[in-house]
Protein backbone atom coordinates (compact mmCIF):
# COMPACT_ATOMS: atom_id res chain seq x y z
CA UNK A 1 0.00 0.00 0.00
CA UNK A 2 1.09 3.53 -0.71
CA UNK A 3 0.54 6.61 1.43
CA UNK A 4 -1.26 9.68 0.08
CA UNK A 5 -1.76 13.17 1.47
CA UNK A 6 -5.08 14.76 0.60
CA UNK A 7 -5.34 18.50 1.02
CA UNK A 8 -8.83 19.97 1.09
CA UNK A 9 -9.28 23.70 0.54
CA UNK A 10 -12.40 25.34 1.96
CA UNK A 11 -13.79 28.85 1.68
CA UNK A 12 -15.54 30.93 4.29
CA UNK A 13 -18.65 30.85 2.06
CA UNK A 14 -19.15 27.13 2.72
CA UNK A 15 -18.64 27.24 6.51
CA UNK A 16 -22.35 26.82 7.30
CA UNK A 17 -22.78 23.79 5.03
CA UNK A 18 -19.62 22.23 6.46
CA UNK A 19 -20.95 22.76 9.98
CA UNK A 20 -24.21 21.02 9.02
CA UNK A 21 -22.46 18.15 7.23
CA UNK A 22 -19.53 17.70 9.64
CA UNK A 23 -21.13 14.89 11.71
CA UNK A 24 -21.64 12.76 8.58
CA UNK A 25 -18.18 13.69 7.27
CA UNK A 26 -16.54 12.65 10.55
CA UNK A 27 -18.56 9.42 10.72
CA UNK A 28 -17.32 8.59 7.21
CA UNK A 29 -13.74 9.33 8.28
CA UNK A 30 -14.14 7.30 11.46
CA UNK A 31 -15.22 4.25 9.45
CA UNK A 32 -12.20 4.63 7.16
CA UNK A 33 -9.93 4.95 10.20
CA UNK A 34 -11.43 1.80 11.72
CA UNK A 35 -10.77 -0.01 8.43
CA UNK A 36 -7.12 1.12 8.45
CA UNK A 37 -7.48 3.18 5.27
CA UNK A 38 -7.34 6.59 6.94
CA UNK A 39 -4.24 7.08 9.05
CA UNK A 40 -4.84 10.63 10.30
CA UNK A 41 -6.91 13.70 9.49
CA UNK A 42 -7.80 17.10 10.80
CA UNK A 43 -8.65 20.68 9.90
CA UNK A 44 -6.16 23.51 9.64
CA UNK A 45 -6.45 26.05 12.48
CA UNK A 46 -7.69 28.79 10.13
CA UNK A 47 -10.70 26.66 9.13
CA UNK A 48 -9.90 26.95 5.43
CA UNK A 49 -8.78 23.43 4.79
CA UNK A 50 -7.88 20.02 6.11
CA UNK A 51 -5.26 17.33 5.68
CA UNK A 52 -6.15 13.65 5.36
CA UNK A 53 -3.60 10.83 5.20
CA UNK A 54 -4.66 7.63 3.45
CA UNK A 55 -3.13 4.31 2.57
CA UNK A 56 -4.37 2.96 -0.72
CA UNK A 57 -3.22 0.95 -3.71
CA UNK A 58 -2.93 4.01 -5.95
CA UNK A 59 -4.12 7.57 -6.53
CA UNK A 60 -7.17 6.43 -8.48
CA UNK A 61 -8.32 4.44 -5.45
CA UNK A 62 -8.02 7.59 -3.31
CA UNK A 63 -10.00 9.61 -5.88
CA UNK A 64 -12.76 7.01 -5.85
CA UNK A 65 -12.79 6.93 -2.07
CA UNK A 66 -13.09 10.72 -1.82
CA UNK A 67 -16.24 10.70 -3.94
CA UNK A 68 -18.01 9.16 -0.93
CA UNK A 69 -17.14 12.03 1.41
CA UNK A 70 -20.41 13.66 2.55
CA UNK A 71 -18.81 17.04 1.83
CA UNK A 72 -18.72 16.27 -1.91
CA UNK A 73 -22.45 16.31 -2.82
CA UNK A 74 -23.00 19.55 -0.88
CA UNK A 75 -20.05 21.32 -2.59
CA UNK A 76 -18.29 22.01 0.72
CA UNK A 77 -14.81 21.50 -0.77
CA UNK A 78 -13.33 24.25 -2.96
CA UNK A 79 -10.32 22.21 -4.15
CA UNK A 80 -8.68 18.84 -3.54
CA UNK A 81 -5.03 17.99 -3.97
CA UNK A 82 -3.67 14.44 -3.77
CA UNK A 83 0.04 13.70 -3.40
CA UNK A 84 1.91 10.50 -2.86
CA UNK A 85 4.10 10.59 0.22
CA UNK A 86 6.85 8.37 1.59
CA UNK A 87 6.94 8.60 5.38
CA UNK A 88 10.38 7.67 6.70
CA UNK A 89 9.83 8.03 10.45
CA UNK A 90 6.77 7.75 12.62
CA UNK A 91 3.85 5.45 13.20
CA UNK A 92 2.78 5.27 9.53
CA UNK A 93 6.21 4.68 8.02
CA UNK A 94 7.00 1.29 6.54
């Protein structure tokens, strides 16, 4: 499995819809964490984005997975960036 960093960008305009959808979003993330797919996640302190760390077979698998995020159908995410990452130290390194 490979490790991928997903960077979500939010705007202030979607704060209310994110607040409404956050319980479903976090339940979705919790399930992925329990399955071992999500390794860590959390919002940036300014509220304008979040970082999610996944293990998946490839980038296409991550893209498919992200389509199930409850934030997607309500247009709560302004932009999404996916990058492969090779952790060398820490609990998610190989």
